Amino acid sequence: MQNTRLTNLVDSIASRLGQWFLNPWRRLSLLLISFFFGFFLGTAISTIAGQRGVLDIAIAGFLVVLTEMTSRIFYNSAFLSKRSLLVESLNVLKVGFIYSMFVESFKLGS
């Protein structure tokens, strides 16, 4: 890629943001936000899909495939040596999503 002012700006913003997230508390707060957003996303999707009653099986299949793809990316041997913050926050989002699905199933079971 050419070295333009726009690419220099994007690279400098990305490096500064990466340096900012090296702080463990900021990293933990970002991961907590990802977890809670995944929890919210799972609750919202299950509520909307259950309310409409259309394409429940297709939506469930799509969500399972999306969850499995995320697991495959995160637990791949190439990523075990270098875990980026983006991949780690995506995995925590997935965990929050799955946890919300379990909570929703317990709500429906009682």
PDB file of N, CA and C in Angstrom:
ATOM      1  N   MET A   1       0.840  -1.162   0.000  1.00  0.00           N
ATOM      2  CA  MET A   1       0.000   0.000   0.000  1.00  0.00           C
ATOM      3  C   MET A   1       0.894   1.238   0.000  1.00  0.00           C
ATOM      4  N   GLN A   2       0.406   2.269  -0.633  1.00  0.00           N
ATOM      5  CA  GLN A   2       1.177   3.493  -0.704  1.00  0.00           C
ATOM      6  C   GLN A   2       1.182   4.202   0.644  1.00  0.00           C
ATOM      7  N   ASN A   3       2.213   4.957   0.852  1.00  0.00           N
ATOM      8  CA  ASN A   3       2.374   5.708   2.088  1.00  0.00           C
ATOM      9  C   ASN A   3       1.783   7.104   1.907  1.00  0.00           C
ATOM     10  N   THR A   4       0.472   7.228   2.144  1.00  0.00           N
ATOM     11  CA  THR A   4      -0.212   8.502   1.993  1.00  0.00           C
ATOM     12  C   THR A   4      -0.479   9.102   3.369  1.00  0.00           C
ATOM     13  N   ARG A   5      -0.989  10.317   3.366  1.00  0.00           N
ATOM     14  CA  ARG A   5      -1.310  10.956   4.652  1.00  0.00           C
ATOM     15  C   ARG A   5      -2.432  10.219   5.367  1.00  0.00           C
ATOM     16  N   LEU A   6      -3.379   9.692   4.602  1.00  0.00           N
ATOM     17  CA  LEU A   6      -4.487   8.957   5.210  1.00  0.00           C
ATOM     18  C   LEU A   6      -4.000   7.662   5.862  1.00  0.00           C
ATOM     19  N   THR A   7      -3.140   6.916   5.184  1.00  0.00           N
ATOM     20  CA  THR A   7      -2.627   5.688   5.789  1.00  0.00           C
ATOM     21  C   THR A   7      -1.750   5.996   6.995  1.00  0.00           C
ATOM     22  N   ASN A   8      -0.988   7.093   6.931  1.00  0.00           N
ATOM     23  CA  ASN A   8      -0.195   7.487   8.094  1.00  0.00           C
ATOM     24  C   ASN A   8      -1.087   7.843   9.275  1.00  0.00           C
ATOM     25  N   LEU A   9      -2.184   8.541   9.009  1.00  0.00           N
ATOM     26  CA  LEU A   9      -3.123   8.912  10.061  1.00  0.00           C
ATOM     27  C   LEU A   9      -3.772   7.680  10.683  1.00  0.00           C
ATOM     28  N   VAL A  10      -4.219   6.752   9.845  1.00  0.00           N
ATOM     29  CA  VAL A  10      -4.845   5.529  10.347  1.00  0.00           C
ATOM     30  C   VAL A  10      -3.851   4.699  11.136  1.00  0.00           C
ATOM     31  N   ASP A  11      -2.621   4.592  10.659  1.00  0.00           N
ATOM     32  CA  ASP A  11      -1.591   3.838  11.382  1.00  0.00           C
ATOM     33  C   ASP A  11      -1.261   4.474  12.728  1.00  0.00           C
ATOM     34  N   SER A  12      -1.173   5.794  12.773  1.00  0.00           N
ATOM     35  CA  SER A  12      -0.855   6.452  14.040  1.00  0.00           C
ATOM     36  C   SER A  12      -2.007   6.337  15.031  1.00  0.00           C
ATOM     37  N   ILE A  13      -3.251   6.427  14.542  1.00  0.00           N
ATOM     38  CA  ILE A  13      -4.402   6.260  15.441  1.00  0.00           C
ATOM     39  C   ILE A  13      -4.450   4.839  15.970  1.00  0.00           C
ATOM     40  N   ALA A  14      -4.191   3.859  15.110  1.00  0.00           N
ATOM     41  CA  ALA A  14      -4.215   2.461  15.542  1.00  0.00           C
ATOM     42  C   ALA A  14      -3.114   2.173  16.552  1.00  0.00           C
ATOM     43  N   SER A  15      -1.930   2.725  16.346  1.00  0.00           N
ATOM     44  CA  SER A  15      -0.838   2.482  17.290  1.00  0.00           C
ATOM     45  C   SER A  15      -1.096   3.174  18.627  1.00  0.00           C
ATOM     46  N   ARG A  16      -1.643   4.376  18.603  1.00  0.00           N
ATOM     47  CA  ARG A  16      -1.960   5.062  19.862  1.00  0.00           C
ATOM     48  C   ARG A  16      -3.064   4.353  20.623  1.00  0.00           C
ATOM     49  N   LEU A  17      -4.064   3.876  19.890  1.00  0.00           N
ATOM     50  CA  LEU A  17      -5.138   3.133  20.532  1.00  0.00           C
ATOM     51  C   LEU A  17      -4.622   1.816  21.108  1.00  0.00           C
ATOM     52  N   GLY A  18      -3.723   1.161  20.380  1.00  0.00           N
ATOM     53  CA  GLY A  18      -3.101  -0.061  20.893  1.00  0.00           C
ATOM     54  C   GLY A  18      -2.286   0.202  22.145  1.00  0.00           C
ATOM     55  N   GLN A  19      -1.559   1.293  22.196  1.00  0.00           N
ATOM     56  CA  GLN A  19      -0.798   1.663  23.383  1.00  0.00           C
ATOM     57  C   GLN A  19      -1.719   2.010  24.539  1.00  0.00           C
ATOM     58  N   TRP A  20      -2.861   2.604  24.224  1.00  0.00           N
ATOM     59  CA  TRP A  20      -3.809   2.979  25.268  1.00  0.00           C
ATOM     60  C   TRP A  20      -4.419   1.747  25.910  1.00  0.00           C
ATOM     61  N   PHE A  21      -4.670   0.706  25.107  1.00  0.00           N
ATOM     62  CA  PHE A  21      -5.262  -0.514  25.639  1.00  0.00           C
ATOM     63  C   PHE A  21      -4.239  -1.470  26.245  1.00  0.00           C
ATOM     64  N   LEU A  22      -2.978  -1.089  26.297  1.00  0.00           N
ATOM     65  CA  LEU A  22      -1.996  -1.923  26.986  1.00  0.00           C
ATOM     66  C   LEU A  22      -2.169  -1.868  28.499  1.00  0.00           C
ATOM     67  N   ASN A  23      -2.803  -0.827  28.984  1.00  0.00           N
ATOM     68  CA  ASN A  23      -3.109  -0.728  30.404  1.00  0.00           C
ATOM     69  C   ASN A  23      -4.068  -1.856  30.778  1.00  0.00           C
ATOM     70  N   PRO A  24      -3.744  -2.646  31.806  1.00  0.00           N
ATOM     71  CA  PRO A  24      -4.598  -3.798  32.135  1.00  0.00           C
ATOM     72  C   PRO A  24      -6.016  -3.428  32.536  1.00  0.00           C
ATOM     73  N   TRP A  25      -6.212  -2.291  33.187  1.00  0.00           N
ATOM     74  CA  TRP A  25      -7.558  -1.909  33.603  1.00  0.00           C
ATOM     75  C   TRP A  25      -8.411  -1.506  32.413  1.00  0.00           C
ATOM     76  N   ARG A  26      -7.814  -0.831  31.454  1.00  0.00           N
ATOM     77  CA  ARG A  26      -8.562  -0.453  30.254  1.00  0.00           C
ATOM     78  C   ARG A  26      -8.915  -1.697  29.433  1.00  0.00           C
ATOM     79  N   ARG A  27      -7.979  -2.625  29.372  1.00  0.00           N
ATOM     80  CA  ARG A  27      -8.220  -3.881  28.658  1.00  0.00           C
ATOM     81  C   ARG A  27      -9.341  -4.665  29.318  1.00  0.00           C
ATOM     82  N   LEU A  28      -9.317  -4.738  30.638  1.00  0.00           N
ATOM     83  CA  LEU A  28     -10.361  -5.447  31.373  1.00  0.00           C
ATOM     84  C   LEU A  28     -11.710  -4.766  31.191  1.00  0.00           C
ATOM     85  N   SER A  29     -11.717  -3.436  31.213  1.00  0.00           N
ATOM     86  CA  SER A  29     -12.990  -2.731  31.030  1.00  0.00           C
ATOM     87  C   SER A  29     -13.538  -2.953  29.627  1.00  0.00           C
ATOM     88  N   LEU A  30     -12.684  -2.993  28.616  1.00  0.00           N
ATOM     89  CA  LEU A  30     -13.148  -3.267  27.258  1.00  0.00           C
ATOM     90  C   LEU A  30     -13.705  -4.685  27.153  1.00  0.00           C
ATOM     91  N   LEU A  31     -13.059  -5.642  27.806  1.00  0.00           N
ATOM     92  CA  LEU A  31     -13.548  -7.014  27.778  1.00  0.00           C
ATOM     93  C   LEU A  31     -14.872  -7.146  28.530  1.00  0.00           C
ATOM     94  N   LEU A  32     -15.037  -6.410  29.617  1.00  0.00           N
ATOM     95  CA  LEU A  32     -16.315  -6.427  30.333  1.00  0.00           C
ATOM     96  C   LEU A  32     -17.430  -5.804  29.496  1.00  0.00           C
ATOM     97  N   ILE A  33     -17.115  -4.732  28.809  1.00  0.00           N
ATOM     98  CA  ILE A  33     -18.101  -4.114  27.925  1.00  0.00           C
ATOM     99  C   ILE A  33     -18.486  -5.086  26.811  1.00  0.00           C
ATOM    100  N   SER A  34     -17.512  -5.827  26.278  1.00  0.00           N
ATOM    101  CA  SER A  34     -17.809  -6.821  25.248  1.00  0.00           C
ATOM    102  C   SER A  34     -18.705  -7.922  25.788  1.00  0.00           C
ATOM    103  N   PHE A  35     -18.431  -8.370  27.031  1.00  0.00           N
ATOM    104  CA  PHE A  35     -19.257  -9.409  27.644  1.00  0.00           C
ATOM    105  C   PHE A  35     -20.691  -8.937  27.819  1.00  0.00           C
ATOM    106  N   PHE A  36     -20.861  -7.743  28.354  1.00  0.00           N
ATOM    107  CA  PHE A  36     -22.207  -7.233  28.585  1.00  0.00           C
ATOM    108  C   PHE A  36     -22.942  -6.936  27.273  1.00  0.00           C
ATOM    109  N   PHE A  37     -22.212  -6.490  26.260  1.00  0.00           N
ATOM    110  CA  PHE A  37     -22.841  -6.271  24.963  1.00  0.00           C
ATOM    111  C   PHE A  37     -23.269  -7.600  24.344  1.00  0.00           C
ATOM    112  N   GLY A  38     -22.459  -8.647  24.516  1.00  0.00           N
ATOM    113  CA  GLY A  38     -22.847  -9.974  24.043  1.00  0.00           C
ATOM    114  C   GLY A  38     -24.072 -10.488  24.770  1.00  0.00           C
ATOM    115  N   PHE A  39     -24.147 -10.225  26.067  1.00  0.00           N
ATOM    116  CA  PHE A  39     -25.313 -10.618  26.849  1.00  0.00           C
ATOM    117  C   PHE A  39     -26.555  -9.884  26.346  1.00  0.00           C
ATOM    118  N   PHE A  40     -26.421  -8.587  26.114  1.00  0.00           N
ATOM    119  CA  PHE A  40     -27.539  -7.796  25.592  1.00  0.00           C
ATOM    120  C   PHE A  40     -27.944  -8.273  24.214  1.00  0.00           C
ATOM    121  N   LEU A  41     -26.968  -8.548  23.370  1.00  0.00           N
ATOM    122  CA  LEU A  41     -27.242  -8.992  22.017  1.00  0.00           C
ATOM    123  C   LEU A  41     -27.985 -10.322  22.010  1.00  0.00           C
ATOM    124  N   GLY A  42     -27.576 -11.240  22.861  1.00  0.00           N
ATOM    125  CA  GLY A  42     -28.261 -12.530  22.938  1.00  0.00           C
ATOM    126  C   GLY A  42     -29.682 -12.399  23.427  1.00  0.00           C
ATOM    127  N   THR A  43     -29.901 -11.562  24.419  1.00  0.00           N
ATOM    128  CA  THR A  43     -31.251 -11.346  24.920  1.00  0.00           C
ATOM    129  C   THR A  43     -32.120 -10.675  23.870  1.00  0.00           C
ATOM    130  N   ALA A  44     -31.583  -9.695  23.185  1.00  0.00           N
ATOM    131  CA  ALA A  44     -32.357  -8.977  22.163  1.00  0.00           C
ATOM    132  C   ALA A  44     -32.694  -9.883  20.989  1.00  0.00           C
ATOM    133  N   ILE A  45     -31.743 -10.671  20.538  1.00  0.00           N
ATOM    134  CA  ILE A  45     -31.994 -11.548  19.393  1.00  0.00           C
ATOM    135  C   ILE A  45     -33.023 -12.610  19.744  1.00  0.00           C
ATOM    136  N   SER A  46     -32.892 -13.211  20.930  1.00  0.00           N
ATOM    137  CA  SER A  46     -33.857 -14.255  21.298  1.00  0.00           C
ATOM    138  C   SER A  46     -35.251 -13.670  21.512  1.00  0.00           C
ATOM    139  N   THR A  47     -35.330 -12.465  22.029  1.00  0.00           N
ATOM    140  CA  THR A  47     -36.638 -11.829  22.221  1.00  0.00           C
ATOM    141  C   THR A  47     -37.290 -11.489  20.886  1.00  0.00           C
ATOM    142  N   ILE A  48     -36.528 -10.913  19.981  1.00  0.00           N
ATOM    143  CA  ILE A  48     -37.072 -10.530  18.683  1.00  0.00           C
ATOM    144  C   ILE A  48     -37.450 -11.758  17.871  1.00  0.00           C
ATOM    145  N   ALA A  49     -36.575 -12.765  17.857  1.00  0.00           N
ATOM    146  CA  ALA A  49     -36.871 -13.973  17.079  1.00  0.00           C
ATOM    147  C   ALA A  49     -38.054 -14.724  17.681  1.00  0.00           C
ATOM    148  N   GLY A  50     -38.167 -14.754  19.011  1.00  0.00           N
ATOM    149  CA  GLY A  50     -39.288 -15.433  19.640  1.00  0.00           C
ATOM    150  C   GLY A  50     -40.587 -14.690  19.462  1.00  0.00           C
ATOM    151  N   GLN A  51     -40.543 -13.396  19.422  1.00  0.00           N
ATOM    152  CA  GLN A  51     -41.754 -12.587  19.267  1.00  0.00           C
ATOM    153  C   GLN A  51     -42.337 -12.712  17.865  1.00  0.00           C
ATOM    154  N   ARG A  52     -41.470 -12.669  16.885  1.00  0.00           N
ATOM    155  CA  ARG A  52     -41.948 -12.722  15.506  1.00  0.00           C
ATOM    156  C   ARG A  52     -42.392 -14.122  15.132  1.00  0.00           C
ATOM    157  N   GLY A  53     -41.684 -15.141  15.596  1.00  0.00           N
ATOM    158  CA  GLY A  53     -42.047 -16.517  15.305  1.00  0.00           C
ATOM    159  C   GLY A  53     -41.810 -16.931  13.866  1.00  0.00           C
ATOM    160  N   VAL A  54     -41.011 -16.179  13.151  1.00  0.00           N
ATOM    161  CA  VAL A  54     -40.711 -16.496  11.764  1.00  0.00           C
ATOM    162  C   VAL A  54     -39.225 -16.812  11.672  1.00  0.00           C
ATOM    163  N   LEU A  55     -38.891 -17.855  10.987  1.00  0.00           N
ATOM    164  CA  LEU A  55     -37.498 -18.250  10.740  1.00  0.00           C
ATOM    165  C   LEU A  55     -36.732 -18.545  12.037  1.00  0.00           C
ATOM    166  N   ASP A  56     -37.370 -19.130  13.027  1.00  0.00           N
ATOM    167  CA  ASP A  56     -36.677 -19.445  14.273  1.00  0.00           C
ATOM    168  C   ASP A  56     -35.534 -20.428  14.051  1.00  0.00           C
ATOM    169  N   ILE A  57     -35.771 -21.448  13.257  1.00  0.00           N
ATOM    170  CA  ILE A  57     -34.760 -22.465  13.002  1.00  0.00           C
ATOM    171  C   ILE A  57     -33.594 -21.887  12.211  1.00  0.00           C
ATOM    172  N   ALA A  58     -33.877 -21.069  11.242  1.00  0.00           N
ATOM    173  CA  ALA A  58     -32.810 -20.470  10.423  1.00  0.00           C
ATOM    174  C   ALA A  58     -31.959 -19.520  11.258  1.00  0.00           C
ATOM    175  N   ILE A  59     -32.589 -18.741  12.115  1.00  0.00           N
ATOM    176  CA  ILE A  59     -31.839 -17.810  12.963  1.00  0.00           C
ATOM    177  C   ILE A  59     -30.984 -18.581  13.957  1.00  0.00           C
ATOM    178  N   ALA A  60     -31.541 -19.631  14.542  1.00  0.00           N
ATOM    179  CA  ALA A  60     -30.776 -20.439  15.488  1.00  0.00           C
ATOM    180  C   ALA A  60     -29.579 -21.102  14.807  1.00  0.00           C
ATOM    181  N   GLY A  61     -29.784 -21.619  13.608  1.00  0.00           N
ATOM    182  CA  GLY A  61     -28.675 -22.221  12.862  1.00  0.00           C
ATOM    183  C   GLY A  61     -27.595 -21.215  12.526  1.00  0.00           C
ATOM    184  N   PHE A  62     -28.006 -20.021  12.115  1.00  0.00           N
ATOM    185  CA  PHE A  62     -27.040 -18.967  11.799  1.00  0.00           C
ATOM    186  C   PHE A  62     -26.233 -18.579  13.038  1.00  0.00           C
ATOM    187  N   LEU A  63     -26.891 -18.484  14.183  1.00  0.00           N
ATOM    188  CA  LEU A  63     -26.188 -18.105  15.411  1.00  0.00           C
ATOM    189  C   LEU A  63     -25.219 -19.191  15.871  1.00  0.00           C
ATOM    190  N   VAL A  64     -25.592 -20.452  15.672  1.00  0.00           N
ATOM    191  CA  VAL A  64     -24.677 -21.544  16.019  1.00  0.00           C
ATOM    192  C   VAL A  64     -23.459 -21.519  15.115  1.00  0.00           C
ATOM    193  N   VAL A  65     -23.671 -21.306  13.824  1.00  0.00           N
ATOM    194  CA  VAL A  65     -22.536 -21.233  12.886  1.00  0.00           C
ATOM    195  C   VAL A  65     -21.639 -20.054  13.234  1.00  0.00           C
ATOM    196  N   LEU A  66     -22.213 -18.919  13.559  1.00  0.00           N
ATOM    197  CA  LEU A  66     -21.430 -17.739  13.932  1.00  0.00           C
ATOM    198  C   LEU A  66     -20.626 -17.983  15.202  1.00  0.00           C
ATOM    199  N   THR A  67     -21.238 -18.643  16.166  1.00  0.00           N
ATOM    200  CA  THR A  67     -20.540 -18.949  17.420  1.00  0.00           C
ATOM    201  C   THR A  67     -19.392 -19.934  17.183  1.00  0.00           C
ATOM    202  N   GLU A  68     -19.634 -20.938  16.366  1.00  0.00           N
ATOM    203  CA  GLU A  68     -18.584 -21.920  16.085  1.00  0.00           C
ATOM    204  C   GLU A  68     -17.444 -21.316  15.275  1.00  0.00           C
ATOM    205  N   MET A  69     -17.745 -20.403  14.373  1.00  0.00           N
ATOM    206  CA  MET A  69     -16.678 -19.739  13.619  1.00  0.00           C
ATOM    207  C   MET A  69     -15.820 -18.883  14.547  1.00  0.00           C
ATOM    208  N   THR A  70     -16.449 -18.219  15.491  1.00  0.00           N
ATOM    209  CA  THR A  70     -15.703 -17.419  16.460  1.00  0.00           C
ATOM    210  C   THR A  70     -14.797 -18.304  17.299  1.00  0.00           C
ATOM    211  N   SER A  71     -15.306 -19.451  17.729  1.00  0.00           N
ATOM    212  CA  SER A  71     -14.488 -20.380  18.512  1.00  0.00           C
ATOM    213  C   SER A  71     -13.328 -20.908  17.687  1.00  0.00           C
ATOM    214  N   ARG A  72     -13.583 -21.187  16.429  1.00  0.00           N
ATOM    215  CA  ARG A  72     -12.522 -21.691  15.560  1.00  0.00           C
ATOM    216  C   ARG A  72     -11.418 -20.647  15.371  1.00  0.00           C
ATOM    217  N   ILE A  73     -11.805 -19.402  15.243  1.00  0.00           N
ATOM    218  CA  ILE A  73     -10.807 -18.337  15.104  1.00  0.00           C
ATOM    219  C   ILE A  73     -10.007 -18.183  16.386  1.00  0.00           C
ATOM    220  N   PHE A  74     -10.695 -18.189  17.523  1.00  0.00           N
ATOM    221  CA  PHE A  74     -10.014 -17.914  18.787  1.00  0.00           C
ATOM    222  C   PHE A  74      -9.117 -19.067  19.213  1.00  0.00           C
ATOM    223  N   TYR A  75      -9.563 -20.297  19.032  1.00  0.00           N
ATOM    224  CA  TYR A  75      -8.806 -21.452  19.508  1.00  0.00           C
ATOM    225  C   TYR A  75      -7.922 -22.069  18.444  1.00  0.00           C
ATOM    226  N   ASN A  76      -7.701 -21.396  17.353  1.00  0.00           N
ATOM    227  CA  ASN A  76      -6.789 -21.854  16.326  1.00  0.00           C
ATOM    228  C   ASN A  76      -5.360 -21.800  16.865  1.00  0.00           C
ATOM    229  N   SER A  77      -4.527 -22.753  16.469  1.00  0.00           N
ATOM    230  CA  SER A  77      -3.170 -22.815  17.010  1.00  0.00           C
ATOM    231  C   SER A  77      -2.324 -21.612  16.593  1.00  0.00           C
ATOM    232  N   ALA A  78      -2.628 -21.011  15.460  1.00  0.00           N
ATOM    233  CA  ALA A  78      -1.869 -19.833  15.032  1.00  0.00           C
ATOM    234  C   ALA A  78      -2.151 -18.639  15.937  1.00  0.00           C
ATOM    235  N   PHE A  79      -3.376 -18.563  16.496  1.00  0.00           N
ATOM    236  CA  PHE A  79      -3.740 -17.435  17.342  1.00  0.00           C
ATOM    237  C   PHE A  79      -3.385 -17.661  18.806  1.00  0.00           C
ATOM    238  N   LEU A  80      -3.022 -18.897  19.187  1.00  0.00           N
ATOM    239  CA  LEU A  80      -2.701 -19.149  20.589  1.00  0.00           C
ATOM    240  C   LEU A  80      -1.436 -18.423  21.009  1.00  0.00           C
ATOM    241  N   SER A  81      -0.493 -18.267  20.082  1.00  0.00           N
ATOM    242  CA  SER A  81       0.744 -17.587  20.436  1.00  0.00           C
ATOM    243  C   SER A  81       0.569 -16.074  20.495  1.00  0.00           C
ATOM    244  N   LYS A  82      -0.290 -15.528  19.651  1.00  0.00           N
ATOM    245  CA  LYS A  82      -0.500 -14.077  19.631  1.00  0.00           C
ATOM    246  C   LYS A  82      -2.000 -13.788  19.632  1.00  0.00           C
ATOM    247  N   ARG A  83      -2.509 -13.440  20.760  1.00  0.00           N
ATOM    248  CA  ARG A  83      -3.927 -13.120  20.879  1.00  0.00           C
ATOM    249  C   ARG A  83      -4.089 -11.612  20.846  1.00  0.00           C
ATOM    250  N   SER A  84      -4.714 -11.146  19.796  1.00  0.00           N
ATOM    251  CA  SER A  84      -4.940  -9.713  19.690  1.00  0.00           C
ATOM    252  C   SER A  84      -6.158  -9.325  20.527  1.00  0.00           C
ATOM    253  N   LEU A  85      -6.252  -8.069  20.815  1.00  0.00           N
ATOM    254  CA  LEU A  85      -7.358  -7.568  21.632  1.00  0.00           C
ATOM    255  C   LEU A  85      -8.682  -7.723  20.899  1.00  0.00           C
ATOM    256  N   LEU A  86      -8.678  -7.561  19.597  1.00  0.00           N
ATOM    257  CA  LEU A  86      -9.902  -7.702  18.816  1.00  0.00           C
ATOM    258  C   LEU A  86     -10.436  -9.131  18.874  1.00  0.00           C
ATOM    259  N   VAL A  87      -9.570 -10.109  18.704  1.00  0.00           N
ATOM    260  CA  VAL A  87      -9.993 -11.514  18.744  1.00  0.00           C
ATOM    261  C   VAL A  87     -10.422 -11.892  20.155  1.00  0.00           C
ATOM    262  N   GLU A  88      -9.714 -11.391  21.148  1.00  0.00           N
ATOM    263  CA  GLU A  88     -10.087 -11.697  22.529  1.00  0.00           C
ATOM    264  C   GLU A  88     -11.425 -11.065  22.914  1.00  0.00           C
ATOM    265  N   SER A  89     -11.668  -9.845  22.470  1.00  0.00           N
ATOM    266  CA  SER A  89     -12.959  -9.212  22.769  1.00  0.00           C
ATOM    267  C   SER A  89     -14.089  -9.883  21.996  1.00  0.00           C
ATOM    268  N   LEU A  90     -13.810 -10.384  20.799  1.00  0.00           N
ATOM    269  CA  LEU A  90     -14.812 -11.144  20.055  1.00  0.00           C
ATOM    270  C   LEU A  90     -15.168 -12.443  20.777  1.00  0.00           C
ATOM    271  N   ASN A  91     -14.172 -13.095  21.367  1.00  0.00           N
ATOM    272  CA  ASN A  91     -14.436 -14.316  22.125  1.00  0.00           C
ATOM    273  C   ASN A  91     -15.248 -14.018  23.383  1.00  0.00           C
ATOM    274  N   VAL A  92     -14.949 -12.929  24.063  1.00  0.00           N
ATOM    275  CA  VAL A  92     -15.705 -12.565  25.262  1.00  0.00           C
ATOM    276  C   VAL A  92     -17.128 -12.174  24.889  1.00  0.00           C
ATOM    277  N   LEU A  93     -17.314 -11.535  23.744  1.00  0.00           N
ATOM    278  CA  LEU A  93     -18.653 -11.232  23.242  1.00  0.00           C
ATOM    279  C   LEU A  93     -19.433 -12.525  23.012  1.00  0.00           C
ATOM    280  N   LYS A  94     -18.752 -13.532  22.467  1.00  0.00           N
ATOM    281  CA  LYS A  94     -19.377 -14.834  22.238  1.00  0.00           C
ATOM    282  C   LYS A  94     -19.768 -15.488  23.552  1.00  0.00           C
ATOM    283  N   VAL A  95     -18.918 -15.393  24.553  1.00  0.00           N
ATOM    284  CA  VAL A  95     -19.221 -15.976  25.862  1.00  0.00           C
ATOM    285  C   VAL A  95     -20.436 -15.300  26.483  1.00  0.00           C
ATOM    286  N   GLY A  96     -20.521 -13.983  26.391  1.00  0.00           N
ATOM    287  CA  GLY A  96     -21.686 -13.271  26.896  1.00  0.00           C
ATOM    288  C   GLY A  96     -22.941 -13.650  26.146  1.00  0.00           C
ATOM    289  N   PHE A  97     -22.833 -13.858  24.852  1.00  0.00           N
ATOM    290  CA  PHE A  97     -23.967 -14.264  24.031  1.00  0.00           C
ATOM    291  C   PHE A  97     -24.467 -15.646  24.447  1.00  0.00           C
ATOM    292  N   ILE A  98     -23.551 -16.581  24.611  1.00  0.00           N
ATOM    293  CA  ILE A  98     -23.933 -17.941  25.006  1.00  0.00           C
ATOM    294  C   ILE A  98     -24.521 -17.936  26.412  1.00  0.00           C
ATOM    295  N   TYR A  99     -23.951 -17.160  27.303  1.00  0.00           N
ATOM    296  CA  TYR A  99     -24.482 -17.077  28.664  1.00  0.00           C
ATOM    297  C   TYR A  99     -25.908 -16.531  28.660  1.00  0.00           C
ATOM    298  N   SER A 100     -26.173 -15.537  27.835  1.00  0.00           N
ATOM    299  CA  SER A 100     -27.531 -15.001  27.777  1.00  0.00           C
ATOM    300  C   SER A 100     -28.501 -16.018  27.200  1.00  0.00           C
ATOM    301  N   MET A 101     -28.049 -16.850  26.277  1.00  0.00           N
ATOM    302  CA  MET A 101     -28.914 -17.897  25.744  1.00  0.00           C
ATOM    303  C   MET A 101     -29.262 -18.923  26.827  1.00  0.00           C
ATOM    304  N   PHE A 102     -28.295 -19.258  27.682  1.00  0.00           N
ATOM    305  CA  PHE A 102     -28.569 -20.169  28.788  1.00  0.00           C
ATOM    306  C   PHE A 102     -29.571 -19.540  29.767  1.00  0.00           C
ATOM    307  N   VAL A 103     -29.395 -18.276  30.057  1.00  0.00           N
ATOM    308  CA  VAL A 103     -30.318 -17.601  30.977  1.00  0.00           C
ATOM    309  C   VAL A 103     -31.720 -17.559  30.385  1.00  0.00           C
ATOM    310  N   GLU A 104     -31.821 -17.274  29.083  1.00  0.00           N
ATOM    311  CA  GLU A 104     -33.121 -17.269  28.425  1.00  0.00           C
ATOM    312  C   GLU A 104     -33.763 -18.655  28.446  1.00  0.00           C
ATOM    313  N   SER A 105     -32.967 -19.690  28.274  1.00  0.00           N
ATOM    314  CA  SER A 105     -33.554 -21.034  28.300  1.00  0.00           C
ATOM    315  C   SER A 105     -34.027 -21.396  29.704  1.00  0.00           C
ATOM    316  N   PHE A 106     -33.329 -20.942  30.724  1.00  0.00           N
ATOM    317  CA  PHE A 106     -33.799 -21.200  32.094  1.00  0.00           C
ATOM    318  C   PHE A 106     -35.070 -20.407  32.389  1.00  0.00           C
ATOM    319  N   LYS A 107     -35.201 -19.228  31.808  1.00  0.00           N
ATOM    320  CA  LYS A 107     -36.433 -18.457  31.981  1.00  0.00           C
ATOM    321  C   LYS A 107     -37.617 -19.169  31.349  1.00  0.00           C
ATOM    322  N   LEU A 108     -37.392 -19.738  30.182  1.00  0.00           N
ATOM    323  CA  LEU A 108     -38.466 -20.435  29.492  1.00  0.00           C
ATOM    324  C   LEU A 108     -38.815 -21.761  30.160  1.00  0.00           C
ATOM    325  N   GLY A 109     -37.848 -22.374  30.816  1.00  0.00           N
ATOM    326  CA  GLY A 109     -38.077 -23.667  31.449  1.00  0.00           C
ATOM    327  C   GLY A 109     -38.825 -23.575  32.761  1.00  0.00           C
ATOM    328  N   SER A 110     -38.824 -22.415  33.381  1.00  0.00           N
ATOM    329  CA  SER A 110     -39.479 -22.319  34.701  1.00  0.00           C
ATOM    330  C   SER A 110     -40.870 -21.752  34.629  1.00  0.00           C
TER     331      SER A 110
END
